[in-house]
Amino acid sequence: METSLKENIVKCVEKDIQFSGPAGTFDNVQFLLHNVGQRALNKKYPVLKKQLDSLDTDSLFDNTNTQAAAELKLKIDTIEGIFNYKKGLAEAAKKREELRAKKDRLVALKERKEDEALENLSAEEIDKLIAETEV
């Protein structure tokens, strides 16, 4: 997990940042990290971007939107980080599965080759191997 994602998660926990969930519910960052999939995170991302774009923060006078913009930016960065983290986990799992499948194919091929080698042995060679295996 990237340091920036860890830092964003800590900030969200410290500030008790809530993310809107389905049917008017609210989720905390731990829930997003452990229970929300990439597709759902991807749906939240543009909604937050639109909210951030709609805020007017172009004033030097007591702009109350600055704090809201900072919170939205934190939410966006956190969701993006969690999405990328989950994407990396999925890619690593896919790679492990591909390697496991390749190993299984190679083991099966080796077993077939060993069986073929045994098939080509003479009766005397087979008797000798049997004698070696008796305890």
Protein backbone atom coordinates (compact mmCIF):
# COMPACT_ATOMS: atom_id res chain seq x y z
CA MET A 1 0.00 0.00 0.00
CA GLU A 2 1.39 3.38 -0.99
CA THR A 3 2.40 5.86 1.67
CA SER A 4 0.09 8.54 0.28
CA LEU A 5 -2.88 6.17 0.51
CA LYS A 6 -1.98 5.30 4.10
CA GLU A 7 -1.74 9.00 4.93
CA ASN A 8 -5.10 9.72 3.29
CA ILE A 9 -6.73 6.86 5.20
CA VAL A 10 -5.34 8.22 8.48
CA LYS A 11 -6.64 11.71 7.64
CA CYS A 12 -10.08 10.32 6.81
CA VAL A 13 -10.18 8.40 10.09
CA GLU A 14 -8.98 11.39 12.11
CA LYS A 15 -11.55 13.70 10.51
CA ASP A 16 -14.27 11.04 10.54
CA ILE A 17 -14.84 11.54 6.81
CA GLN A 18 -17.96 9.77 5.55
CA PHE A 19 -18.51 8.69 1.95
CA SER A 20 -22.01 8.49 0.54
CA GLY A 21 -23.15 4.93 0.06
CA PRO A 22 -26.16 3.29 -1.55
CA ALA A 23 -29.68 4.38 -0.57
CA GLY A 24 -28.58 7.40 1.47
CA THR A 25 -26.20 5.49 3.72
CA PHE A 26 -22.72 6.64 4.64
CA ASP A 27 -19.53 4.58 4.65
CA ASN A 28 -16.26 5.27 6.41
CA VAL A 29 -12.88 4.77 4.75
CA GLN A 30 -12.31 1.38 6.39
CA PHE A 31 -15.56 0.13 4.88
CA LEU A 32 -14.47 1.37 1.45
CA LEU A 33 -11.10 -0.31 1.77
CA HIS A 34 -12.40 -3.70 2.86
CA ASN A 35 -15.92 -4.02 1.45
CA VAL A 36 -16.41 -1.85 -1.64
CA GLY A 37 -15.37 -3.14 -5.06
CA GLN A 38 -13.64 -1.34 -7.89
CA ARG A 39 -16.84 -0.76 -9.88
CA ALA A 40 -18.57 0.91 -6.93
CA LEU A 41 -15.49 3.05 -6.26
CA ASN A 42 -15.41 4.01 -9.92
CA LYS A 43 -19.04 5.20 -9.65
CA LYS A 44 -18.26 7.38 -6.63
CA TYR A 45 -15.26 9.04 -8.30
CA PRO A 46 -17.05 11.17 -10.96
CA VAL A 47 -19.74 12.22 -8.48
CA LEU A 48 -17.09 13.63 -6.15
CA LYS A 49 -15.24 15.28 -9.06
CA LYS A 50 -18.45 17.06 -10.11
CA GLN A 51 -19.06 18.20 -6.54
CA LEU A 52 -15.54 19.59 -6.37
CA ASP A 53 -15.85 21.34 -9.72
CA SER A 54 -19.13 22.95 -8.67
CA LEU A 55 -17.63 24.64 -5.61
CA ASP A 56 -16.67 28.29 -5.94
CA THR A 57 -13.30 28.67 -4.24
CA ASP A 58 -12.04 31.64 -6.26
CA SER A 59 -12.40 34.23 -3.52
CA LEU A 60 -9.98 35.56 -0.97
CA PHE A 61 -12.78 36.60 1.37
CA ASP A 62 -13.99 34.21 4.04
CA ASN A 63 -14.61 31.39 1.63
CA THR A 64 -16.41 28.56 3.37
CA ASN A 65 -16.04 26.41 0.28
CA THR A 66 -12.28 26.09 0.77
CA GLN A 67 -12.71 23.61 3.61
CA ALA A 68 -15.36 21.69 1.68
CA ALA A 69 -13.06 21.61 -1.36
CA ALA A 70 -10.20 20.28 0.77
CA GLU A 71 -12.44 17.50 2.12
CA LEU A 72 -13.68 16.61 -1.37
CA LYS A 73 -10.08 16.54 -2.65
CA LEU A 74 -9.16 14.19 0.22
CA LYS A 75 -12.13 11.96 -0.63
CA ILE A 76 -11.18 11.90 -4.32
CA ASP A 77 -7.54 11.11 -3.59
CA THR A 78 -8.54 8.41 -1.11
CA ILE A 79 -11.00 6.74 -3.48
CA GLU A 80 -8.47 6.90 -6.30
CA GLY A 81 -5.81 5.37 -4.04
CA ILE A 82 -8.09 2.58 -2.82
CA PHE A 83 -9.15 1.87 -6.41
CA ASN A 84 -5.52 1.61 -7.56
CA TYR A 85 -4.64 -0.54 -4.54
CA LYS A 86 -7.49 -2.96 -5.29
CA LYS A 87 -6.57 -2.94 -8.97
CA GLY A 88 -3.01 -3.91 -8.04
CA LEU A 89 -4.28 -6.72 -5.81
CA ALA A 90 -6.48 -8.02 -8.63
CA GLU A 91 -3.61 -7.92 -11.11
CA ALA A 92 -1.32 -9.74 -8.67
CA ALA A 93 -3.98 -12.40 -8.05
CA LYS A 94 -4.43 -12.86 -11.80
CA LYS A 95 -0.66 -13.20 -12.25
CA ARG A 96 -0.47 -15.78 -9.42
CA GLU A 97 -3.31 -17.76 -11.04
CA GLU A 98 -1.57 -17.68 -14.42
CA LEU A 99 1.68 -18.90 -12.86
CA ARG A 100 -0.14 -21.64 -10.93
CA ALA A 101 -1.87 -22.81 -14.12
CA LYS A 102 1.45 -22.81 -16.00
CA LYS A 103 3.09 -24.82 -13.21
CA ASP A 104 0.21 -27.32 -13.25
CA ARG A 105 0.60 -27.76 -17.02
CA LEU A 106 4.35 -28.27 -16.66
CA VAL A 107 3.93 -30.81 -13.85
CA ALA A 108 1.39 -32.74 -15.93
CA LEU A 109 3.73 -32.65 -18.94
CA LYS A 110 6.61 -33.92 -16.80
CA GLU A 111 4.45 -36.77 -15.47
CA ARG A 112 3.48 -37.70 -19.04
CA LYS A 113 7.14 -37.67 -20.12
CA GLU A 114 8.12 -39.83 -17.15
CA ASP A 115 5.32 -42.26 -18.02
CA GLU A 116 6.50 -42.34 -21.65
CA ALA A 117 10.06 -43.03 -20.46
CA LEU A 118 8.82 -45.92 -18.33
CA GLU A 119 6.82 -47.29 -21.28
CA ASN A 120 10.04 -47.53 -23.32
CA LEU A 121 11.93 -49.56 -20.68
CA SER A 122 12.71 -53.19 -21.29
CA ALA A 123 11.30 -55.91 -19.04
CA GLU A 124 14.70 -56.36 -17.38
CA GLU A 125 14.96 -52.62 -16.62
CA ILE A 126 11.44 -52.64 -15.16
CA ASP A 127 12.33 -55.67 -12.97
CA LYS A 128 15.42 -53.85 -11.76
CA LEU A 129 13.36 -50.74 -10.85
CA ILE A 130 10.80 -52.88 -9.03
CA ALA A 131 13.57 -54.55 -7.03
CA GLU A 132 14.93 -51.11 -6.05
CA THR A 133 11.55 -50.00 -4.74
CA GLU A 134 10.90 -53.05 -2.52
CA VAL A 135 11.40 -52.37 1.15
